[in-house]
PDB file of N, CA and C in Angstrom:
ATOM      1  N   MET A   1       0.838  -1.161  -0.005  1.00  0.00           N
ATOM      2  CA  MET A   1      -0.004   0.002   0.005  1.00  0.00           C
ATOM      3  C   MET A   1       0.884   1.233   0.005  1.00  0.00           C
ATOM      4  N   ALA A   2       0.467   2.233  -0.755  1.00  0.00           N
ATOM      5  CA  ALA A   2       1.202   3.499  -0.820  1.00  0.00           C
ATOM      6  C   ALA A   2       0.288   4.654  -0.446  1.00  0.00           C
ATOM      7  N   VAL A   3       0.821   5.584   0.320  1.00  0.00           N
ATOM      8  CA  VAL A   3       0.104   6.804   0.649  1.00  0.00           C
ATOM      9  C   VAL A   3       0.405   7.820  -0.452  1.00  0.00           C
ATOM     10  N   ARG A   4      -0.644   8.403  -1.016  1.00  0.00           N
ATOM     11  CA  ARG A   4      -0.471   9.387  -2.083  1.00  0.00           C
ATOM     12  C   ARG A   4      -0.448  10.805  -1.602  1.00  0.00           C
ATOM     13  N   ARG A   5      -1.259  11.114  -0.558  1.00  0.00           N
ATOM     14  CA  ARG A   5      -1.280  12.471   0.008  1.00  0.00           C
ATOM     15  C   ARG A   5      -1.972  12.416   1.358  1.00  0.00           C
ATOM     16  N   VAL A   6      -1.660  13.399   2.168  1.00  0.00           N
ATOM     17  CA  VAL A   6      -2.314  13.596   3.456  1.00  0.00           C
ATOM     18  C   VAL A   6      -2.793  15.044   3.468  1.00  0.00           C
ATOM     19  N   MET A   7      -4.058  15.234   3.835  1.00  0.00           N
ATOM     20  CA  MET A   7      -4.653  16.567   3.748  1.00  0.00           C
ATOM     21  C   MET A   7      -5.418  16.885   5.027  1.00  0.00           C
ATOM     22  N   PRO A   8      -5.051  17.982   5.710  1.00  0.00           N
ATOM     23  CA  PRO A   8      -5.836  18.395   6.876  1.00  0.00           C
ATOM     24  C   PRO A   8      -7.216  18.900   6.451  1.00  0.00           C
ATOM     25  N   ILE A   9      -8.184  18.704   7.328  1.00  0.00           N
ATOM     26  CA  ILE A   9      -9.544  19.175   7.073  1.00  0.00           C
ATOM     27  C   ILE A   9      -9.940  20.128   8.202  1.00  0.00           C
ATOM     28  N   ILE A  10     -10.381  21.304   7.810  1.00  0.00           N
ATOM     29  CA  ILE A  10     -10.806  22.312   8.758  1.00  0.00           C
ATOM     30  C   ILE A  10     -12.319  22.416   8.680  1.00  0.00           C
ATOM     31  N   GLN A  11     -13.014  22.174   9.785  1.00  0.00           N
ATOM     32  CA  GLN A  11     -14.461  22.317   9.791  1.00  0.00           C
ATOM     33  C   GLN A  11     -14.788  23.774  10.125  1.00  0.00           C
ATOM     34  N   SER A  12     -15.489  24.438   9.198  1.00  0.00           N
ATOM     35  CA  SER A  12     -15.762  25.847   9.359  1.00  0.00           C
ATOM     36  C   SER A  12     -16.869  26.285   8.399  1.00  0.00           C
ATOM     37  N   GLU A  13     -17.601  27.302   8.793  1.00  0.00           N
ATOM     38  CA  GLU A  13     -18.580  27.942   7.917  1.00  0.00           C
ATOM     39  C   GLU A  13     -17.935  29.049   7.113  1.00  0.00           C
ATOM     40  N   ALA A  14     -16.698  29.400   7.410  1.00  0.00           N
ATOM     41  CA  ALA A  14     -16.017  30.524   6.773  1.00  0.00           C
ATOM     42  C   ALA A  14     -15.230  30.081   5.537  1.00  0.00           C
ATOM     43  N   THR A  15     -15.930  29.468   4.594  1.00  0.00           N
ATOM     44  CA  THR A  15     -15.213  28.961   3.414  1.00  0.00           C
ATOM     45  C   THR A  15     -14.650  30.090   2.543  1.00  0.00           C
ATOM     46  N   ARG A  16     -15.407  31.142   2.343  1.00  0.00           N
ATOM     47  CA  ARG A  16     -14.912  32.254   1.524  1.00  0.00           C
ATOM     48  C   ARG A  16     -13.679  32.882   2.169  1.00  0.00           C
ATOM     49  N   GLU A  17     -13.778  33.183   3.465  1.00  0.00           N
ATOM     50  CA  GLU A  17     -12.658  33.785   4.176  1.00  0.00           C
ATOM     51  C   GLU A  17     -11.434  32.846   4.200  1.00  0.00           C
ATOM     52  N   SER A  18     -11.672  31.551   4.343  1.00  0.00           N
ATOM     53  CA  SER A  18     -10.587  30.591   4.337  1.00  0.00           C
ATOM     54  C   SER A  18      -9.917  30.530   2.965  1.00  0.00           C
ATOM     55  N   ARG A  19     -10.730  30.534   1.899  1.00  0.00           N
ATOM     56  CA  ARG A  19     -10.195  30.552   0.551  1.00  0.00           C
ATOM     57  C   ARG A  19      -9.274  31.759   0.372  1.00  0.00           C
ATOM     58  N   GLU A  20      -9.718  32.922   0.821  1.00  0.00           N
ATOM     59  CA  GLU A  20      -8.918  34.148   0.703  1.00  0.00           C
ATOM     60  C   GLU A  20      -7.643  34.049   1.540  1.00  0.00           C
ATOM     61  N   PHE A  21      -7.748  33.576   2.767  1.00  0.00           N
ATOM     62  CA  PHE A  21      -6.582  33.465   3.648  1.00  0.00           C
ATOM     63  C   PHE A  21      -5.542  32.525   3.074  1.00  0.00           C
ATOM     64  N   TYR A  22      -5.955  31.302   2.711  1.00  0.00           N
ATOM     65  CA  TYR A  22      -5.010  30.338   2.184  1.00  0.00           C
ATOM     66  C   TYR A  22      -4.477  30.762   0.822  1.00  0.00           C
ATOM     67  N   GLY A  23      -5.228  31.609   0.112  1.00  0.00           N
ATOM     68  CA  GLY A  23      -4.725  32.207  -1.134  1.00  0.00           C
ATOM     69  C   GLY A  23      -3.491  33.068  -0.858  1.00  0.00           C
ATOM     70  N   LEU A  24      -3.477  33.752   0.287  1.00  0.00           N
ATOM     71  CA  LEU A  24      -2.320  34.549   0.673  1.00  0.00           C
ATOM     72  C   LEU A  24      -1.068  33.680   0.849  1.00  0.00           C
ATOM     73  N   LEU A  25      -1.300  32.407   1.190  1.00  0.00           N
ATOM     74  CA  LEU A  25      -0.178  31.476   1.396  1.00  0.00           C
ATOM     75  C   LEU A  25       0.177  30.715   0.116  1.00  0.00           C
ATOM     76  N   GLY A  26      -0.491  31.031  -0.988  1.00  0.00           N
ATOM     77  CA  GLY A  26      -0.147  30.432  -2.273  1.00  0.00           C
ATOM     78  C   GLY A  26      -1.075  29.322  -2.740  1.00  0.00           C
ATOM     79  N   PHE A  27      -2.138  29.034  -1.992  1.00  0.00           N
ATOM     80  CA  PHE A  27      -3.081  27.971  -2.381  1.00  0.00           C
ATOM     81  C   PHE A  27      -4.107  28.510  -3.370  1.00  0.00           C
ATOM     82  N   GLU A  28      -4.548  27.625  -4.255  1.00  0.00           N
ATOM     83  CA  GLU A  28      -5.610  27.954  -5.219  1.00  0.00           C
ATOM     84  C   GLU A  28      -6.714  26.928  -5.103  1.00  0.00           C
ATOM     85  N   GLU A  29      -7.951  27.347  -5.433  1.00  0.00           N
ATOM     86  CA  GLU A  29      -9.084  26.432  -5.344  1.00  0.00           C
ATOM     87  C   GLU A  29      -8.973  25.344  -6.403  1.00  0.00           C
ATOM     88  N   ALA A  30      -9.115  24.113  -5.954  1.00  0.00           N
ATOM     89  CA  ALA A  30      -9.102  22.970  -6.847  1.00  0.00           C
ATOM     90  C   ALA A  30     -10.488  22.366  -6.990  1.00  0.00           C
ATOM     91  N   MET A  31     -11.311  22.514  -5.923  1.00  0.00           N
ATOM     92  CA  MET A  31     -12.634  21.910  -5.932  1.00  0.00           C
ATOM     93  C   MET A  31     -13.535  22.674  -4.963  1.00  0.00           C
ATOM     94  N   ASP A  32     -14.769  22.892  -5.398  1.00  0.00           N
ATOM     95  CA  ASP A  32     -15.781  23.484  -4.519  1.00  0.00           C
ATOM     96  C   ASP A  32     -17.093  22.773  -4.786  1.00  0.00           C
ATOM     97  N   LEU A  33     -17.511  21.930  -3.818  1.00  0.00           N
ATOM     98  CA  LEU A  33     -18.760  21.181  -3.953  1.00  0.00           C
ATOM     99  C   LEU A  33     -19.887  21.814  -3.124  1.00  0.00           C
ATOM    100  N   GLY A  34     -19.623  23.029  -2.617  1.00  0.00           N
ATOM    101  CA  GLY A  34     -20.625  23.697  -1.805  1.00  0.00           C
ATOM    102  C   GLY A  34     -20.435  23.430  -0.321  1.00  0.00           C
ATOM    103  N   TRP A  35     -20.196  22.196   0.041  1.00  0.00           N
ATOM    104  CA  TRP A  35     -20.005  21.834   1.438  1.00  0.00           C
ATOM    105  C   TRP A  35     -18.518  21.577   1.769  1.00  0.00           C
ATOM    106  N   ILE A  36     -17.685  21.435   0.716  1.00  0.00           N
ATOM    107  CA  ILE A  36     -16.245  21.266   0.881  1.00  0.00           C
ATOM    108  C   ILE A  36     -15.534  22.066  -0.205  1.00  0.00           C
ATOM    109  N   VAL A  37     -14.485  22.777   0.229  1.00  0.00           N
ATOM    110  CA  VAL A  37     -13.614  23.510  -0.695  1.00  0.00           C
ATOM    111  C   VAL A  37     -12.217  22.963  -0.479  1.00  0.00           C
ATOM    112  N   THR A  38     -11.571  22.491  -1.546  1.00  0.00           N
ATOM    113  CA  THR A  38     -10.209  22.012  -1.456  1.00  0.00           C
ATOM    114  C   THR A  38      -9.292  22.991  -2.128  1.00  0.00           C
ATOM    115  N   LEU A  39      -8.232  23.380  -1.437  1.00  0.00           N
ATOM    116  CA  LEU A  39      -7.246  24.334  -1.910  1.00  0.00           C
ATOM    117  C   LEU A  39      -5.950  23.589  -2.114  1.00  0.00           C
ATOM    118  N   VAL A  40      -5.249  23.911  -3.190  1.00  0.00           N
ATOM    119  CA  VAL A  40      -4.041  23.163  -3.559  1.00  0.00           C
ATOM    120  C   VAL A  40      -2.902  24.114  -3.895  1.00  0.00           C
ATOM    121  N   SER A  41      -1.691  23.667  -3.641  1.00  0.00           N
ATOM    122  CA  SER A  41      -0.508  24.411  -4.044  1.00  0.00           C
ATOM    123  C   SER A  41      -0.235  24.148  -5.513  1.00  0.00           C
ATOM    124  N   PRO A  42      -0.195  25.162  -6.358  1.00  0.00           N
ATOM    125  CA  PRO A  42       0.079  24.933  -7.794  1.00  0.00           C
ATOM    126  C   PRO A  42       1.453  24.309  -8.038  1.00  0.00           C
ATOM    127  N   SER A  43       2.414  24.585  -7.156  1.00  0.00           N
ATOM    128  CA  SER A  43       3.761  24.055  -7.368  1.00  0.00           C
ATOM    129  C   SER A  43       3.933  22.648  -6.783  1.00  0.00           C
ATOM    130  N   ASN A  44       3.009  22.236  -5.903  1.00  0.00           N
ATOM    131  CA  ASN A  44       3.068  20.910  -5.299  1.00  0.00           C
ATOM    132  C   ASN A  44       1.644  20.414  -5.091  1.00  0.00           C
ATOM    133  N   PRO A  45       1.038  19.809  -6.129  1.00  0.00           N
ATOM    134  CA  PRO A  45      -0.379  19.434  -6.057  1.00  0.00           C
ATOM    135  C   PRO A  45      -0.757  18.499  -4.920  1.00  0.00           C
ATOM    136  N   ALA A  46       0.191  17.823  -4.312  1.00  0.00           N
ATOM    137  CA  ALA A  46      -0.130  16.945  -3.181  1.00  0.00           C
ATOM    138  C   ALA A  46      -0.271  17.742  -1.878  1.00  0.00           C
ATOM    139  N   ALA A  47       0.153  19.013  -1.891  1.00  0.00           N
ATOM    140  CA  ALA A  47      -0.005  19.884  -0.727  1.00  0.00           C
ATOM    141  C   ALA A  47      -1.390  20.533  -0.811  1.00  0.00           C
ATOM    142  N   GLN A  48      -2.276  20.091   0.073  1.00  0.00           N
ATOM    143  CA  GLN A  48      -3.668  20.547   0.010  1.00  0.00           C
ATOM    144  C   GLN A  48      -4.240  20.764   1.404  1.00  0.00           C
ATOM    145  N   VAL A  49      -5.292  21.558   1.456  1.00  0.00           N
ATOM    146  CA  VAL A  49      -6.071  21.740   2.674  1.00  0.00           C
ATOM    147  C   VAL A  49      -7.530  21.866   2.255  1.00  0.00           C
ATOM    148  N   SER A  50      -8.426  21.272   3.027  1.00  0.00           N
ATOM    149  CA  SER A  50      -9.855  21.376   2.722  1.00  0.00           C
ATOM    150  C   SER A  50     -10.575  22.067   3.857  1.00  0.00           C
ATOM    151  N   VAL A  51     -11.582  22.829   3.499  1.00  0.00           N
ATOM    152  CA  VAL A  51     -12.481  23.480   4.463  1.00  0.00           C
ATOM    153  C   VAL A  51     -13.862  22.899   4.247  1.00  0.00           C
ATOM    154  N   VAL A  52     -14.449  22.347   5.301  1.00  0.00           N
ATOM    155  CA  VAL A  52     -15.718  21.610   5.199  1.00  0.00           C
ATOM    156  C   VAL A  52     -16.718  22.235   6.166  1.00  0.00           C
ATOM    157  N   THR A  53     -17.920  22.502   5.647  1.00  0.00           N
ATOM    158  CA  THR A  53     -18.982  22.965   6.559  1.00  0.00           C
ATOM    159  C   THR A  53     -19.526  21.779   7.368  1.00  0.00           C
ATOM    160  N   SER A  54     -19.858  20.694   6.679  1.00  0.00           N
ATOM    161  CA  SER A  54     -20.199  19.416   7.281  1.00  0.00           C
ATOM    162  C   SER A  54     -20.154  18.401   6.146  1.00  0.00           C
ATOM    163  N   ASP A  55     -19.836  17.160   6.488  1.00  0.00           N
ATOM    164  CA  ASP A  55     -19.701  16.136   5.457  1.00  0.00           C
ATOM    165  C   ASP A  55     -21.054  15.786   4.878  1.00  0.00           C
ATOM    166  N   LYS A  56     -21.130  15.689   3.555  1.00  0.00           N
ATOM    167  CA  LYS A  56     -22.408  15.473   2.869  1.00  0.00           C
ATOM    168  C   LYS A  56     -23.025  14.105   3.129  1.00  0.00           C
ATOM    169  N   THR A  57     -22.206  13.062   3.222  1.00  0.00           N
ATOM    170  CA  THR A  57     -22.739  11.707   3.304  1.00  0.00           C
ATOM    171  C   THR A  57     -22.350  10.927   4.550  1.00  0.00           C
ATOM    172  N   ALA A  58     -21.615  11.564   5.459  1.00  0.00           N
ATOM    173  CA  ALA A  58     -21.156  10.859   6.660  1.00  0.00           C
ATOM    174  C   ALA A  58     -21.692  11.528   7.924  1.00  0.00           C
ATOM    175  N   PRO A  59     -21.711  10.774   9.029  1.00  0.00           N
ATOM    176  CA  PRO A  59     -22.282  11.318  10.265  1.00  0.00           C
ATOM    177  C   PRO A  59     -21.404  12.336  10.962  1.00  0.00           C
ATOM    178  N   VAL A  60     -20.111  12.374  10.643  1.00  0.00           N
ATOM    179  CA  VAL A  60     -19.181  13.320  11.252  1.00  0.00           C
ATOM    180  C   VAL A  60     -18.281  13.908  10.180  1.00  0.00           C
ATOM    181  N   THR A  61     -17.622  15.012  10.508  1.00  0.00           N
ATOM    182  CA  THR A  61     -16.623  15.583   9.611  1.00  0.00           C
ATOM    183  C   THR A  61     -15.251  15.061  10.045  1.00  0.00           C
ATOM    184  N   PRO A  62     -14.479  14.498   9.143  1.00  0.00           N
ATOM    185  CA  PRO A  62     -13.175  13.972   9.531  1.00  0.00           C
ATOM    186  C   PRO A  62     -12.183  15.097   9.833  1.00  0.00           C
ATOM    187  N   ASP A  63     -11.099  14.722  10.503  1.00  0.00           N
ATOM    188  CA  ASP A  63     -10.053  15.674  10.855  1.00  0.00           C
ATOM    189  C   ASP A  63      -8.942  15.714   9.784  1.00  0.00           C
ATOM    190  N   VAL A  64      -8.772  14.612   9.086  1.00  0.00           N
ATOM    191  CA  VAL A  64      -7.713  14.514   8.103  1.00  0.00           C
ATOM    192  C   VAL A  64      -8.138  13.493   7.031  1.00  0.00           C
ATOM    193  N   SER A  65      -7.669  13.709   5.814  1.00  0.00           N
ATOM    194  CA  SER A  65      -7.876  12.736   4.735  1.00  0.00           C
ATOM    195  C   SER A  65      -6.535  12.138   4.346  1.00  0.00           C
ATOM    196  N   ILE A  66      -6.534  10.854   4.103  1.00  0.00           N
ATOM    197  CA  ILE A  66      -5.346  10.166   3.597  1.00  0.00           C
ATOM    198  C   ILE A  66      -5.739   9.412   2.354  1.00  0.00           C
ATOM    199  N   GLU A  67      -5.142   9.795   1.227  1.00  0.00           N
ATOM    200  CA  GLU A  67      -5.388   9.105  -0.038  1.00  0.00           C
ATOM    201  C   GLU A  67      -4.372   7.976  -0.171  1.00  0.00           C
ATOM    202  N   VAL A  68      -4.881   6.764  -0.414  1.00  0.00           N
ATOM    203  CA  VAL A  68      -4.050   5.594  -0.600  1.00  0.00           C
ATOM    204  C   VAL A  68      -4.278   4.993  -1.971  1.00  0.00           C
ATOM    205  N   ASP A  69      -3.370   4.129  -2.390  1.00  0.00           N
ATOM    206  CA  ASP A  69      -3.517   3.515  -3.702  1.00  0.00           C
ATOM    207  C   ASP A  69      -4.488   2.345  -3.703  1.00  0.00           C
ATOM    208  N   ASP A  70      -4.789   1.756  -2.533  1.00  0.00           N
ATOM    209  CA  ASP A  70      -5.663   0.602  -2.460  1.00  0.00           C
ATOM    210  C   ASP A  70      -6.542   0.675  -1.204  1.00  0.00           C
ATOM    211  N   VAL A  71      -7.652   1.390  -1.306  1.00  0.00           N
ATOM    212  CA  VAL A  71      -8.513   1.597  -0.143  1.00  0.00           C
ATOM    213  C   VAL A  71      -9.126   0.285   0.375  1.00  0.00           C
ATOM    214  N   GLU A  72      -9.325  -0.662  -0.525  1.00  0.00           N
ATOM    215  CA  GLU A  72      -9.880  -1.972  -0.105  1.00  0.00           C
ATOM    216  C   GLU A  72      -8.922  -2.678   0.853  1.00  0.00           C
ATOM    217  N   ALA A  73      -7.629  -2.678   0.516  1.00  0.00           N
ATOM    218  CA  ALA A  73      -6.632  -3.335   1.380  1.00  0.00           C
ATOM    219  C   ALA A  73      -6.505  -2.648   2.720  1.00  0.00           C
ATOM    220  N   VAL A  74      -6.549  -1.310   2.713  1.00  0.00           N
ATOM    221  CA  VAL A  74      -6.458  -0.572   3.969  1.00  0.00           C
ATOM    222  C   VAL A  74      -7.704  -0.830   4.816  1.00  0.00           C
ATOM    223  N   TYR A  75      -8.867  -0.854   4.185  1.00  0.00           N
ATOM    224  CA  TYR A  75     -10.106  -1.125   4.919  1.00  0.00           C
ATOM    225  C   TYR A  75     -10.043  -2.505   5.591  1.00  0.00           C
ATOM    226  N   ALA A  76      -9.560  -3.486   4.874  1.00  0.00           N
ATOM    227  CA  ALA A  76      -9.441  -4.832   5.426  1.00  0.00           C
ATOM    228  C   ALA A  76      -8.477  -4.849   6.614  1.00  0.00           C
ATOM    229  N   ALA A  77      -7.336  -4.163   6.477  1.00  0.00           N
ATOM    230  CA  ALA A  77      -6.348  -4.115   7.566  1.00  0.00           C
ATOM    231  C   ALA A  77      -6.918  -3.406   8.797  1.00  0.00           C
ATOM    232  N   VAL A  78      -7.639  -2.315   8.575  1.00  0.00           N
ATOM    233  CA  VAL A  78      -8.229  -1.555   9.681  1.00  0.00           C
ATOM    234  C   VAL A  78      -9.306  -2.406  10.369  1.00  0.00           C
ATOM    235  N   ARG A  79     -10.154  -3.032   9.575  1.00  0.00           N
ATOM    236  CA  ARG A  79     -11.222  -3.879  10.138  1.00  0.00           C
ATOM    237  C   ARG A  79     -10.615  -5.024  10.947  1.00  0.00           C
ATOM    238  N   ASP A  80      -9.588  -5.668  10.404  1.00  0.00           N
ATOM    239  CA  ASP A  80      -8.934  -6.786  11.102  1.00  0.00           C
ATOM    240  C   ASP A  80      -8.248  -6.338  12.390  1.00  0.00           C
ATOM    241  N   SER A  81      -7.841  -5.078  12.451  1.00  0.00           N
ATOM    242  CA  SER A  81      -7.129  -4.574  13.634  1.00  0.00           C
ATOM    243  C   SER A  81      -8.078  -4.297  14.812  1.00  0.00           C
ATOM    244  N   GLY A  82      -9.363  -4.192  14.512  1.00  0.00           N
ATOM    245  CA  GLY A  82     -10.334  -3.883  15.539  1.00  0.00           C
ATOM    246  C   GLY A  82     -10.560  -2.395  15.751  1.00  0.00           C
ATOM    247  N   ALA A  83      -9.902  -1.555  14.961  1.00  0.00           N
ATOM    248  CA  ALA A  83     -10.113  -0.108  15.085  1.00  0.00           C
ATOM    249  C   ALA A  83     -11.565   0.227  14.747  1.00  0.00           C
ATOM    250  N   GLU A  84     -12.059   1.322  15.319  1.00  0.00           N
ATOM    251  CA  GLU A  84     -13.459   1.719  15.137  1.00  0.00           C
ATOM    252  C   GLU A  84     -13.690   2.325  13.750  1.00  0.00           C
ATOM    253  N   THR A  85     -14.525   1.689  12.959  1.00  0.00           N
ATOM    254  CA  THR A  85     -14.941   2.269  11.695  1.00  0.00           C
ATOM    255  C   THR A  85     -16.108   3.209  11.988  1.00  0.00           C
ATOM    256  N   VAL A  86     -15.932   4.480  11.625  1.00  0.00           N
ATOM    257  CA  VAL A  86     -16.916   5.519  11.914  1.00  0.00           C
ATOM    258  C   VAL A  86     -17.908   5.660  10.766  1.00  0.00           C
ATOM    259  N   HIS A  87     -17.455   5.382   9.542  1.00  0.00           N
ATOM    260  CA  HIS A  87     -18.286   5.504   8.333  1.00  0.00           C
ATOM    261  C   HIS A  87     -17.849   4.361   7.412  1.00  0.00           C
ATOM    262  N   PRO A  88     -18.783   3.559   6.911  1.00  0.00           N
ATOM    263  CA  PRO A  88     -18.416   2.371   6.138  1.00  0.00           C
ATOM    264  C   PRO A  88     -17.801   2.689   4.769  1.00  0.00           C
ATOM    265  N   LEU A  89     -17.096   1.720   4.243  1.00  0.00           N
ATOM    266  CA  LEU A  89     -16.525   1.831   2.916  1.00  0.00           C
ATOM    267  C   LEU A  89     -17.636   2.004   1.889  1.00  0.00           C
ATOM    268  N   GLN A  90     -17.541   3.048   1.082  1.00  0.00           N
ATOM    269  CA  GLN A  90     -18.570   3.267   0.036  1.00  0.00           C
ATOM    270  C   GLN A  90     -18.037   4.159  -1.053  1.00  0.00           C
ATOM    271  N   ASP A  91     -18.692   4.055  -2.213  1.00  0.00           N
ATOM    272  CA  ASP A  91     -18.389   4.934  -3.345  1.00  0.00           C
ATOM    273  C   ASP A  91     -19.163   6.235  -3.176  1.00  0.00           C
ATOM    274  N   GLU A  92     -18.506   7.345  -3.505  1.00  0.00           N
ATOM    275  CA  GLU A  92     -19.133   8.653  -3.417  1.00  0.00           C
ATOM    276  C   GLU A  92     -19.310   9.238  -4.804  1.00  0.00           C
ATOM    277  N   GLU A  93     -20.313  10.062  -4.969  1.00  0.00           N
ATOM    278  CA  GLU A  93     -20.673  10.603  -6.292  1.00  0.00           C
ATOM    279  C   GLU A  93     -19.582  11.506  -6.862  1.00  0.00           C
ATOM    280  N   TRP A  94     -18.663  11.997  -6.054  1.00  0.00           N
ATOM    281  CA  TRP A  94     -17.600  12.877  -6.547  1.00  0.00           C
ATOM    282  C   TRP A  94     -16.333  12.112  -6.935  1.00  0.00           C
ATOM    283  N   GLY A  95     -16.476  10.800  -7.064  1.00  0.00           N
ATOM    284  CA  GLY A  95     -15.404   9.998  -7.679  1.00  0.00           C
ATOM    285  C   GLY A  95     -14.388   9.341  -6.758  1.00  0.00           C
ATOM    286  N   VAL A  96     -14.736   9.217  -5.463  1.00  0.00           N
ATOM    287  CA  VAL A  96     -13.838   8.522  -4.547  1.00  0.00           C
ATOM    288  C   VAL A  96     -14.551   7.340  -3.900  1.00  0.00           C
ATOM    289  N   ARG A  97     -13.751   6.410  -3.408  1.00  0.00           N
ATOM    290  CA  ARG A  97     -14.238   5.310  -2.567  1.00  0.00           C
ATOM    291  C   ARG A  97     -13.568   5.540  -1.228  1.00  0.00           C
ATOM    292  N   ARG A  98     -14.330   5.587  -0.131  1.00  0.00           N
ATOM    293  CA  ARG A  98     -13.759   5.994   1.136  1.00  0.00           C
ATOM    294  C   ARG A  98     -14.443   5.360   2.326  1.00  0.00           C
ATOM    295  N   PHE A  99     -13.752   5.439   3.472  1.00  0.00           N
ATOM    296  CA  PHE A  99     -14.310   5.085   4.764  1.00  0.00           C
ATOM    297  C   PHE A  99     -13.663   5.963   5.812  1.00  0.00           C
ATOM    298  N   PHE A 100     -14.275   6.048   6.993  1.00  0.00           N
ATOM    299  CA  PHE A 100     -13.696   6.801   8.102  1.00  0.00           C
ATOM    300  C   PHE A 100     -13.337   5.824   9.219  1.00  0.00           C
ATOM    301  N   VAL A 101     -12.204   6.080   9.868  1.00  0.00           N
ATOM    302  CA  VAL A 101     -11.764   5.287  10.999  1.00  0.00           C
ATOM    303  C   VAL A 101     -11.294   6.243  12.097  1.00  0.00           C
ATOM    304  N   ARG A 102     -11.478   5.838  13.360  1.00  0.00           N
ATOM    305  CA  ARG A 102     -11.031   6.664  14.481  1.00  0.00           C
ATOM    306  C   ARG A 102      -9.629   6.216  14.880  1.00  0.00           C
ATOM    307  N   ASP A 103      -8.702   7.177  14.976  1.00  0.00           N
ATOM    308  CA  ASP A 103      -7.330   6.847  15.377  1.00  0.00           C
ATOM    309  C   ASP A 103      -7.241   6.762  16.905  1.00  0.00           C
ATOM    310  N   PRO A 104      -6.111   6.333  17.460  1.00  0.00           N
ATOM    311  CA  PRO A 104      -5.982   6.173  18.916  1.00  0.00           C
ATOM    312  C   PRO A 104      -6.166   7.457  19.696  1.00  0.00           C
ATOM    313  N   ASN A 105      -6.064   8.618  19.035  1.00  0.00           N
ATOM    314  CA  ASN A 105      -6.245   9.915  19.689  1.00  0.00           C
ATOM    315  C   ASN A 105      -7.661  10.425  19.624  1.00  0.00           C
ATOM    316  N   GLY A 106      -8.562   9.632  19.012  1.00  0.00           N
ATOM    317  CA  GLY A 106      -9.937  10.033  18.885  1.00  0.00           C
ATOM    318  C   GLY A 106     -10.231  10.838  17.627  1.00  0.00           C
ATOM    319  N   ARG A 107      -9.226  11.057  16.800  1.00  0.00           N
ATOM    320  CA  ARG A 107      -9.409  11.818  15.559  1.00  0.00           C
ATOM    321  C   ARG A 107     -10.008  10.919  14.475  1.00  0.00           C
ATOM    322  N   VAL A 108     -10.861  11.504  13.655  1.00  0.00           N
ATOM    323  CA  VAL A 108     -11.489  10.745  12.572  1.00  0.00           C
ATOM    324  C   VAL A 108     -10.674  10.940  11.290  1.00  0.00           C
ATOM    325  N   VAL A 109     -10.282   9.817  10.689  1.00  0.00           N
ATOM    326  CA  VAL A 109      -9.466   9.808   9.484  1.00  0.00           C
ATOM    327  C   VAL A 109     -10.314   9.316   8.313  1.00  0.00           C
ATOM    328  N   ASN A 110     -10.376  10.134   7.258  1.00  0.00           N
ATOM    329  CA  ASN A 110     -11.042   9.775   6.005  1.00  0.00           C
ATOM    330  C   ASN A 110      -9.983   9.084   5.132  1.00  0.00           C
ATOM    331  N   VAL A 111     -10.158   7.824   4.839  1.00  0.00           N
ATOM    332  CA  VAL A 111      -9.225   7.069   4.000  1.00  0.00           C
ATOM    333  C   VAL A 111      -9.901   6.846   2.663  1.00  0.00           C
ATOM    334  N   LEU A 112      -9.200   7.226   1.588  1.00  0.00           N
ATOM    335  CA  LEU A 112      -9.859   7.204   0.268  1.00  0.00           C
ATOM    336  C   LEU A 112      -8.917   6.804  -0.856  1.00  0.00           C
ATOM    337  N   SER A 113      -9.527   6.395  -1.941  1.00  0.00           N
ATOM    338  CA  SER A 113      -8.857   6.227  -3.232  1.00  0.00           C
ATOM    339  C   SER A 113      -9.770   6.830  -4.281  1.00  0.00           C
ATOM    340  N   HIS A 114      -9.176   7.399  -5.310  1.00  0.00           N
ATOM    341  CA  HIS A 114      -9.975   7.867  -6.434  1.00  0.00           C
ATOM    342  C   HIS A 114     -10.351   6.687  -7.302  1.00  0.00           C
ATOM    343  N   ARG A 115     -11.591   6.669  -7.796  1.00  0.00           N
ATOM    344  CA  ARG A 115     -12.036   5.577  -8.666  1.00  0.00           C
ATOM    345  C   ARG A 115     -11.578   5.808 -10.071  1.00  0.00           C
TER     346      ARG A 115
END
């Protein structure tokens, strides 16, 4: 399994203000689905930050996203470990397959692969 990127998620209603602030740091908008805005570094596309009002299809908003090359294998490893799955593995309409798991610190991790 390979990790492709790690992205912090900020839960906030201030998406416009966040877009402007992170623009000062060199980030540009890569995606805006209304409930999530992802900002990316043009010089390093794996450097990203997302601002989320609330997750569209899950019961909680995650703290961090980790994109992996094989979400099925990671899901199986997490399930076998006994870690708490917060949101089941599923396909999302915006082109990812993902699940949420709680880490030992209580943080919710969104683990995903692009389809």
